[in-house]
C-alpha cells in the first residue's frame, strides 16, 4: 500500500499540469500545495519503515526525486524562486504595472 501511494504521489508531482482545472479548480489547488506534498513523502517513509517494506522504500525514491527536481534548487544558497515578478513603471507621469515572466 505505501508503494502504491508513493507512485501516485510522484505522479501528481511530476504531472501536476495535467490535472484539469475545471471541477473545483483542482489543478490550481494542487499547484498551490505542490511543495507540501513533500510531507506526504515523509509520512510514507515512516509508514514504510514501520511496515519494514523494502518495496515501499524503493518506490519512495520516486516522489523524493520529483520533489527534489521541482523544489530542490530553492534549498541551495543564492537561489531565487522563479515565477512572475511585478515591477512598477511610469508612462507619461502615470504609474502602471507591467508583468515580467522571466528575469
N, C-alpha and C. Protein backbone atom coordinates (compact mmCIF):
# COMPACT_ATOMS: atom_id res chain seq x y z
N UNK A 1 0.81 -1.21 0.00
CA UNK A 1 0.00 0.00 0.00
C UNK A 1 0.85 1.27 0.00
N UNK A 2 1.90 1.36 0.84
CA UNK A 2 2.73 2.57 0.79
C UNK A 2 3.43 2.75 -0.55
N UNK A 3 3.78 1.65 -1.22
CA UNK A 3 4.44 1.76 -2.52
C UNK A 3 3.49 2.36 -3.55
N UNK A 4 2.24 1.94 -3.51
CA UNK A 4 1.26 2.48 -4.45
C UNK A 4 1.03 3.97 -4.18
N UNK A 5 0.91 4.33 -2.92
CA UNK A 5 0.73 5.75 -2.57
C UNK A 5 1.95 6.58 -2.98
N UNK A 6 3.14 6.00 -2.87
CA UNK A 6 4.35 6.72 -3.27
C UNK A 6 4.36 6.96 -4.78
N UNK A 7 3.95 5.97 -5.55
CA UNK A 7 3.91 6.13 -7.01
C UNK A 7 2.85 7.16 -7.40
N UNK A 8 1.68 7.11 -6.74
CA UNK A 8 0.64 8.10 -7.03
C UNK A 8 1.07 9.51 -6.66
N UNK A 9 1.75 9.66 -5.54
CA UNK A 9 2.25 10.98 -5.13
C UNK A 9 3.28 11.49 -6.13
N UNK A 10 4.17 10.61 -6.56
CA UNK A 10 5.16 11.02 -7.57
C UNK A 10 4.48 11.41 -8.88
N UNK A 11 3.43 10.69 -9.24
CA UNK A 11 2.70 11.03 -10.46
C UNK A 11 2.04 12.39 -10.36
N UNK A 12 1.47 12.70 -9.20
CA UNK A 12 0.87 14.03 -9.01
C UNK A 12 1.92 15.12 -9.09
N UNK A 13 3.09 14.87 -8.51
CA UNK A 13 4.15 15.88 -8.55
C UNK A 13 4.69 16.07 -9.96
N UNK A 14 4.92 14.97 -10.63
CA UNK A 14 5.55 15.05 -11.96
C UNK A 14 4.58 15.58 -13.02
N UNK A 15 3.32 15.23 -12.91
CA UNK A 15 2.36 15.60 -13.94
C UNK A 15 1.26 16.51 -13.38
N UNK A 16 1.63 17.43 -12.52
CA UNK A 16 0.66 18.32 -11.89
C UNK A 16 -0.04 19.22 -12.90
N UNK A 17 0.60 19.51 -14.00
CA UNK A 17 -0.03 20.37 -15.02
C UNK A 17 -1.10 19.64 -15.82
N UNK A 18 -1.14 18.33 -15.72
CA UNK A 18 -2.15 17.55 -16.45
C UNK A 18 -3.46 17.45 -15.67
N UNK A 19 -3.45 17.88 -14.41
CA UNK A 19 -4.69 17.82 -13.61
C UNK A 19 -5.62 18.91 -14.12
N UNK A 20 -6.83 18.57 -14.51
CA UNK A 20 -7.74 19.57 -15.06
C UNK A 20 -8.15 20.60 -14.02
N UNK A 21 -8.41 21.78 -14.51
CA UNK A 21 -8.77 22.89 -13.64
C UNK A 21 -10.26 23.21 -13.74
N UNK A 22 -11.05 22.26 -14.23
CA UNK A 22 -12.46 22.55 -14.48
C UNK A 22 -13.33 22.34 -13.24
N UNK A 23 -13.26 21.20 -12.63
CA UNK A 23 -14.14 20.90 -11.50
C UNK A 23 -13.48 21.35 -10.20
N UNK A 24 -14.00 22.37 -9.58
CA UNK A 24 -13.50 22.81 -8.29
C UNK A 24 -12.10 23.39 -8.31
N UNK A 25 -11.62 23.72 -9.49
CA UNK A 25 -10.27 24.27 -9.63
C UNK A 25 -9.21 23.38 -8.97
N UNK A 26 -9.30 22.07 -9.21
CA UNK A 26 -8.37 21.13 -8.60
C UNK A 26 -6.94 21.33 -9.07
N UNK A 27 -6.77 21.72 -10.33
CA UNK A 27 -5.42 21.95 -10.84
C UNK A 27 -4.73 23.09 -10.11
N UNK A 28 -5.45 24.18 -9.89
CA UNK A 28 -4.87 25.32 -9.16
C UNK A 28 -4.62 24.97 -7.71
N UNK A 29 -5.53 24.21 -7.13
CA UNK A 29 -5.37 23.80 -5.73
C UNK A 29 -4.14 22.91 -5.57
N UNK A 30 -3.95 21.99 -6.51
CA UNK A 30 -2.79 21.11 -6.45
C UNK A 30 -1.50 21.91 -6.60
N UNK A 31 -1.46 22.85 -7.53
CA UNK A 31 -0.25 23.65 -7.71
C UNK A 31 0.03 24.54 -6.51
N UNK A 32 -1.01 24.96 -5.80
CA UNK A 32 -0.81 25.78 -4.61
C UNK A 32 -0.15 24.99 -3.49
N UNK A 33 -0.49 23.73 -3.38
CA UNK A 33 0.03 22.90 -2.29
C UNK A 33 1.07 21.89 -2.77
N UNK A 34 1.66 22.12 -3.92
CA UNK A 34 2.58 21.16 -4.51
C UNK A 34 3.81 20.93 -3.64
N UNK A 35 4.37 21.98 -3.08
CA UNK A 35 5.56 21.83 -2.25
C UNK A 35 5.26 21.04 -0.99
N UNK A 36 4.03 21.12 -0.51
CA UNK A 36 3.66 20.41 0.72
C UNK A 36 3.47 18.92 0.50
N UNK A 37 3.47 18.47 -0.74
CA UNK A 37 3.40 17.03 -0.98
C UNK A 37 4.67 16.32 -0.51
N UNK A 38 5.71 17.09 -0.24
CA UNK A 38 6.91 16.50 0.36
C UNK A 38 6.62 15.91 1.73
N UNK A 39 5.67 16.49 2.44
CA UNK A 39 5.29 15.93 3.74
C UNK A 39 4.59 14.58 3.59
N UNK A 40 3.91 14.39 2.48
CA UNK A 40 3.31 13.09 2.21
C UNK A 40 4.41 12.04 2.05
N UNK A 41 5.50 12.43 1.40
CA UNK A 41 6.63 11.51 1.23
C UNK A 41 7.24 11.16 2.58
N UNK A 42 7.31 12.13 3.49
CA UNK A 42 7.85 11.85 4.83
C UNK A 42 6.92 10.89 5.58
N UNK A 43 5.61 11.11 5.48
CA UNK A 43 4.66 10.20 6.13
C UNK A 43 4.76 8.80 5.54
N UNK A 44 4.94 8.72 4.23
CA UNK A 44 5.09 7.40 3.60
C UNK A 44 6.39 6.73 4.01
N UNK A 45 7.42 7.52 4.23
CA UNK A 45 8.69 6.96 4.72
C UNK A 45 8.49 6.33 6.10
N UNK A 46 7.80 7.04 6.99
CA UNK A 46 7.54 6.49 8.31
C UNK A 46 6.70 5.22 8.24
N UNK A 47 5.71 5.22 7.35
CA UNK A 47 4.87 4.04 7.19
C UNK A 47 5.67 2.87 6.62
N UNK A 48 6.55 3.15 5.67
CA UNK A 48 7.37 2.09 5.09
C UNK A 48 8.35 1.52 6.10
N UNK A 49 8.90 2.39 6.95
CA UNK A 49 9.81 1.90 7.99
C UNK A 49 9.05 1.09 9.04
N UNK A 50 7.84 1.52 9.35
CA UNK A 50 7.03 0.80 10.32
C UNK A 50 6.65 -0.59 9.82
N UNK A 51 6.35 -0.68 8.53
CA UNK A 51 5.98 -1.96 7.94
C UNK A 51 7.19 -2.77 7.49
N UNK A 52 8.38 -2.16 7.53
CA UNK A 52 9.63 -2.80 7.10
C UNK A 52 9.52 -3.31 5.66
N UNK A 53 9.05 -2.41 4.80
CA UNK A 53 8.81 -2.77 3.40
C UNK A 53 9.92 -2.20 2.52
N UNK A 54 10.73 -3.09 1.98
CA UNK A 54 11.80 -2.66 1.08
C UNK A 54 11.24 -2.12 -0.24
N UNK A 55 10.13 -2.70 -0.68
CA UNK A 55 9.49 -2.24 -1.92
C UNK A 55 9.00 -0.81 -1.77
N UNK A 56 8.40 -0.51 -0.64
CA UNK A 56 7.90 0.84 -0.40
C UNK A 56 9.05 1.83 -0.30
N UNK A 57 10.15 1.42 0.31
CA UNK A 57 11.31 2.31 0.40
C UNK A 57 11.88 2.61 -0.98
N UNK A 58 11.91 1.60 -1.84
CA UNK A 58 12.40 1.83 -3.20
C UNK A 58 11.44 2.71 -3.99
N UNK A 59 10.14 2.49 -3.81
CA UNK A 59 9.14 3.30 -4.52
C UNK A 59 9.14 4.73 -4.01
N UNK A 60 9.57 4.93 -2.78
CA UNK A 60 9.61 6.27 -2.20
C UNK A 60 10.67 7.15 -2.86
N UNK A 61 11.60 6.55 -3.58
CA UNK A 61 12.58 7.34 -4.32
C UNK A 61 11.92 8.18 -5.41
N UNK A 62 10.79 7.72 -5.93
CA UNK A 62 10.11 8.47 -7.00
C UNK A 62 9.58 9.82 -6.52
N UNK A 63 8.77 9.89 -5.44
CA UNK A 63 8.32 11.22 -5.01
C UNK A 63 9.45 12.10 -4.49
N UNK A 64 10.46 11.49 -3.89
CA UNK A 64 11.60 12.28 -3.41
C UNK A 64 12.34 12.89 -4.60
N UNK A 65 12.51 12.12 -5.66
CA UNK A 65 13.18 12.65 -6.86
C UNK A 65 12.33 13.73 -7.52
N UNK A 66 11.02 13.53 -7.58
CA UNK A 66 10.14 14.54 -8.19
C UNK A 66 10.15 15.83 -7.38
N UNK A 67 10.08 15.72 -6.05
CA UNK A 67 10.10 16.91 -5.20
C UNK A 67 11.44 17.63 -5.31
N UNK A 68 12.53 16.87 -5.34
CA UNK A 68 13.85 17.48 -5.46
C UNK A 68 14.00 18.18 -6.80
N UNK A 69 13.46 17.60 -7.84
CA UNK A 69 13.52 18.24 -9.16
C UNK A 69 12.75 19.56 -9.16
N UNK A 70 11.59 19.57 -8.51
CA UNK A 70 10.76 20.78 -8.51
C UNK A 70 11.27 21.86 -7.56
N UNK A 71 11.69 21.46 -6.36
CA UNK A 71 11.97 22.45 -5.32
C UNK A 71 13.37 22.36 -4.73
N UNK A 72 14.16 21.41 -5.13
CA UNK A 72 15.49 21.24 -4.54
C UNK A 72 16.42 22.41 -4.80
N UNK A 73 16.26 23.07 -5.93
CA UNK A 73 17.11 24.22 -6.24
C UNK A 73 16.91 25.39 -5.30
N UNK A 74 15.74 25.47 -4.70
CA UNK A 74 15.47 26.56 -3.76
C UNK A 74 16.18 26.37 -2.43
N UNK A 75 16.69 25.17 -2.17
CA UNK A 75 17.42 24.91 -0.93
C UNK A 75 18.88 25.33 -1.03
N UNK A 76 19.35 25.57 -2.23
CA UNK A 76 20.74 25.97 -2.42
C UNK A 76 20.91 27.45 -2.07
N UNK A 77 22.08 27.83 -1.55
CA UNK A 77 22.29 29.24 -1.23
C UNK A 77 22.32 30.09 -2.49
N UNK A 78 21.70 31.24 -2.42
CA UNK A 78 21.68 32.17 -3.54
C UNK A 78 20.61 31.87 -4.57
N UNK A 79 19.82 30.85 -4.34
CA UNK A 79 18.76 30.52 -5.29
C UNK A 79 17.58 31.45 -5.07
N UNK A 80 17.02 31.92 -6.17
CA UNK A 80 15.85 32.78 -6.11
C UNK A 80 14.67 32.02 -6.68
N UNK A 81 13.53 32.17 -6.06
CA UNK A 81 12.36 31.48 -6.62
C UNK A 81 12.00 32.04 -7.98
N UNK A 82 11.61 31.18 -8.88
CA UNK A 82 11.21 31.63 -10.20
C UNK A 82 9.78 32.11 -10.21
N UNK A 83 9.29 32.38 -11.37
CA UNK A 83 7.91 32.81 -11.48
C UNK A 83 7.80 34.26 -11.84
N UNK A 84 6.59 34.72 -11.99
CA UNK A 84 6.38 36.10 -12.41
C UNK A 84 6.77 37.10 -11.32
N UNK A 85 7.30 38.21 -11.76
CA UNK A 85 7.61 39.31 -10.85
C UNK A 85 6.89 40.55 -11.35
N UNK A 86 6.57 41.42 -10.44
CA UNK A 86 5.90 42.66 -10.80
C UNK A 86 6.87 43.82 -10.61
N UNK A 87 6.90 44.70 -11.57
CA UNK A 87 7.71 45.90 -11.48
C UNK A 87 6.83 47.09 -11.83
N UNK A 88 6.98 48.14 -11.05
CA UNK A 88 6.21 49.35 -11.33
C UNK A 88 7.00 50.24 -12.29
N UNK A 89 6.31 50.83 -13.23
CA UNK A 89 6.94 51.74 -14.18
C UNK A 89 5.98 52.88 -14.46
N UNK A 90 6.51 54.01 -14.80
CA UNK A 90 5.67 55.15 -15.11
C UNK A 90 5.62 55.41 -16.60
N UNK A 91 4.44 55.71 -17.10
CA UNK A 91 4.25 56.05 -18.50
C UNK A 91 3.56 57.39 -18.55
N UNK A 92 4.28 58.40 -19.06
CA UNK A 92 3.75 59.76 -19.17
C UNK A 92 3.21 60.28 -17.84
N UNK A 93 3.96 60.01 -16.78
CA UNK A 93 3.59 60.52 -15.48
C UNK A 93 2.55 59.70 -14.75
N UNK A 94 2.01 58.67 -15.39
CA UNK A 94 1.00 57.82 -14.74
C UNK A 94 1.64 56.48 -14.40
N UNK A 95 1.51 56.06 -13.16
CA UNK A 95 2.10 54.76 -12.81
C UNK A 95 1.32 53.61 -13.42
N UNK A 96 2.02 52.61 -13.84
CA UNK A 96 1.40 51.39 -14.33
C UNK A 96 2.24 50.21 -13.86
N UNK A 97 1.70 49.05 -13.96
CA UNK A 97 2.41 47.84 -13.54
C UNK A 97 2.54 46.93 -14.74
N UNK A 98 3.76 46.47 -14.97
CA UNK A 98 4.00 45.51 -16.04
C UNK A 98 4.40 44.19 -15.43
N UNK A 99 4.00 43.15 -16.05
CA UNK A 99 4.31 41.82 -15.56
C UNK A 99 5.40 41.21 -16.43
N UNK A 100 6.47 40.77 -15.77
CA UNK A 100 7.57 40.11 -16.47
C UNK A 100 7.55 38.64 -16.10
N UNK A 101 7.57 37.80 -17.12
CA UNK A 101 7.55 36.36 -16.86
C UNK A 101 8.93 35.77 -16.73
N UNK A 102 9.96 36.49 -17.06
CA UNK A 102 11.31 36.00 -16.87
C UNK A 102 12.17 37.14 -16.37
N UNK A 103 13.25 36.77 -15.74
CA UNK A 103 14.13 37.79 -15.17
C UNK A 103 15.19 38.18 -16.16
